[in-house]
Amino acid sequence: MAGTITFRPDEDAARALVALTADGTSVSTAVRAALITAARDRARTALRAEAEALAADEQDRAEAAQVLRDMETLRAG
């Protein structure tokens, strides 16, 4: 997708880069890792919100319970 990306860090981002590179990690590696972590966190947050919405959906929970009962009946038979 992208080759080289250039950005101007604000004070918070600059401090974060100092912290992330203090052990000798390159800026490129630190930025790459931070982007991947941020994308994973966003995906987890979206999945968590979806799961919470489904858990709060009484109709969906009732349907799931019915499916489980039906499966148990099939297994017992």
C-alpha atoms as a PDB file:
ATOM      1  CA  MET A   1       0.000   0.000   0.000  1.00  0.00           C
ATOM      2  CA  ALA A   2       2.190   2.857   1.243  1.00  0.00           C
ATOM      3  CA  GLY A   3       5.910   3.176   0.786  1.00  0.00           C
ATOM      4  CA  THR A   4       7.229   5.882   3.033  1.00  0.00           C
ATOM      5  CA  ILE A   5       5.033   7.798   5.451  1.00  0.00           C
ATOM      6  CA  THR A   6       6.061  11.131   6.887  1.00  0.00           C
ATOM      7  CA  PHE A   7       4.357  12.763   9.856  1.00  0.00           C
ATOM      8  CA  ARG A   8       4.960  15.556  12.313  1.00  0.00           C
ATOM      9  CA  PRO A   9       4.586  14.279  15.849  1.00  0.00           C
ATOM     10  CA  ASP A  10       3.050  16.574  18.427  1.00  0.00           C
ATOM     11  CA  GLU A  11       4.526  16.713  21.933  1.00  0.00           C
ATOM     12  CA  ASP A  12       2.635  13.623  23.150  1.00  0.00           C
ATOM     13  CA  ALA A  13       3.647  11.582  20.105  1.00  0.00           C
ATOM     14  CA  ALA A  14       7.250  12.725  20.418  1.00  0.00           C
ATOM     15  CA  ARG A  15       7.324  11.635  24.074  1.00  0.00           C
ATOM     16  CA  ALA A  16       5.788   8.301  23.090  1.00  0.00           C
ATOM     17  CA  LEU A  17       8.458   7.814  20.419  1.00  0.00           C
ATOM     18  CA  VAL A  18      11.178   8.552  22.959  1.00  0.00           C
ATOM     19  CA  ALA A  19       9.696   5.945  25.296  1.00  0.00           C
ATOM     20  CA  LEU A  20       9.238   3.379  22.525  1.00  0.00           C
ATOM     21  CA  THR A  21      12.754   3.819  21.180  1.00  0.00           C
ATOM     22  CA  ALA A  22      14.623   4.147  24.496  1.00  0.00           C
ATOM     23  CA  ASP A  23      15.744   0.520  24.266  1.00  0.00           C
ATOM     24  CA  GLY A  24      17.275   1.030  20.821  1.00  0.00           C
ATOM     25  CA  THR A  25      14.182   0.137  18.809  1.00  0.00           C
ATOM     26  CA  SER A  26      14.151   2.103  15.569  1.00  0.00           C
ATOM     27  CA  VAL A  27      11.495   4.748  15.020  1.00  0.00           C
ATOM     28  CA  SER A  28      10.188   2.790  12.009  1.00  0.00           C
ATOM     29  CA  THR A  29       9.831  -0.390  14.050  1.00  0.00           C
ATOM     30  CA  ALA A  30       8.190   1.472  16.944  1.00  0.00           C
ATOM     31  CA  VAL A  31       5.697   3.222  14.656  1.00  0.00           C
ATOM     32  CA  ARG A  32       4.946  -0.014  12.809  1.00  0.00           C
ATOM     33  CA  ALA A  33       4.308  -1.879  16.066  1.00  0.00           C
ATOM     34  CA  ALA A  34       2.174   0.964  17.437  1.00  0.00           C
ATOM     35  CA  LEU A  35       0.014   0.993  14.299  1.00  0.00           C
ATOM     36  CA  ILE A  36      -0.517  -2.763  14.458  1.00  0.00           C
ATOM     37  CA  THR A  37      -1.351  -2.568  18.168  1.00  0.00           C
ATOM     38  CA  ALA A  38      -3.796   0.292  17.567  1.00  0.00           C
ATOM     39  CA  ALA A  39      -5.530  -1.651  14.769  1.00  0.00           C
ATOM     40  CA  ARG A  40      -5.825  -4.759  16.966  1.00  0.00           C
ATOM     41  CA  ASP A  41      -7.178  -2.691  19.852  1.00  0.00           C
ATOM     42  CA  ARG A  42      -9.773  -1.092  17.579  1.00  0.00           C
ATOM     43  CA  ALA A  43     -10.845  -4.515  16.259  1.00  0.00           C
ATOM     44  CA  ARG A  44     -11.118  -5.888  19.824  1.00  0.00           C
ATOM     45  CA  THR A  45     -13.171  -2.878  20.875  1.00  0.00           C
ATOM     46  CA  ALA A  46     -15.532  -3.368  17.927  1.00  0.00           C
ATOM     47  CA  LEU A  47     -15.898  -7.086  18.665  1.00  0.00           C
ATOM     48  CA  ARG A  48     -16.503  -6.385  22.345  1.00  0.00           C
ATOM     49  CA  ALA A  49     -19.204  -3.827  21.482  1.00  0.00           C
ATOM     50  CA  GLU A  50     -20.853  -6.306  19.117  1.00  0.00           C
ATOM     51  CA  ALA A  51     -20.762  -9.064  21.735  1.00  0.00           C
ATOM     52  CA  GLU A  52     -22.225  -6.742  24.357  1.00  0.00           C
ATOM     53  CA  ALA A  53     -25.002  -5.701  21.970  1.00  0.00           C
ATOM     54  CA  LEU A  54     -25.813  -9.346  21.244  1.00  0.00           C
ATOM     55  CA  ALA A  55     -25.743 -10.224  24.949  1.00  0.00           C
ATOM     56  CA  ALA A  56     -28.214  -7.417  25.618  1.00  0.00           C
ATOM     57  CA  ASP A  57     -30.543  -8.582  22.823  1.00  0.00           C
ATOM     58  CA  GLU A  58     -33.217 -10.618  24.604  1.00  0.00           C
ATOM     59  CA  GLN A  59     -34.657 -12.004  21.368  1.00  0.00           C
ATOM     60  CA  ASP A  60     -31.249 -13.190  20.175  1.00  0.00           C
ATOM     61  CA  ARG A  61     -30.540 -14.806  23.549  1.00  0.00           C
ATOM     62  CA  ALA A  62     -33.918 -16.570  23.472  1.00  0.00           C
ATOM     63  CA  GLU A  63     -33.222 -17.885  19.962  1.00  0.00           C
ATOM     64  CA  ALA A  64     -29.775 -19.098  21.002  1.00  0.00           C
ATOM     65  CA  ALA A  65     -31.265 -20.874  24.024  1.00  0.00           C
ATOM     66  CA  GLN A  66     -33.822 -22.541  21.771  1.00  0.00           C
ATOM     67  CA  VAL A  67     -31.113 -23.732  19.401  1.00  0.00           C
ATOM     68  CA  LEU A  68     -29.218 -25.221  22.346  1.00  0.00           C
ATOM     69  CA  ARG A  69     -32.363 -27.002  23.550  1.00  0.00           C
ATOM     70  CA  ASP A  70     -32.996 -28.330  20.032  1.00  0.00           C
ATOM     71  CA  MET A  71     -29.417 -29.585  19.777  1.00  0.00           C
ATOM     72  CA  GLU A  72     -29.692 -31.295  23.150  1.00  0.00           C
ATOM     73  CA  THR A  73     -32.894 -33.012  22.004  1.00  0.00           C
ATOM     74  CA  LEU A  74     -31.130 -34.238  18.855  1.00  0.00           C
ATOM     75  CA  ARG A  75     -28.168 -35.510  20.865  1.00  0.00           C
ATOM     76  CA  ALA A  76     -30.420 -37.345  23.333  1.00  0.00           C
ATOM     77  CA  GLY A  77     -32.364 -38.977  20.502  1.00  0.00           C
END
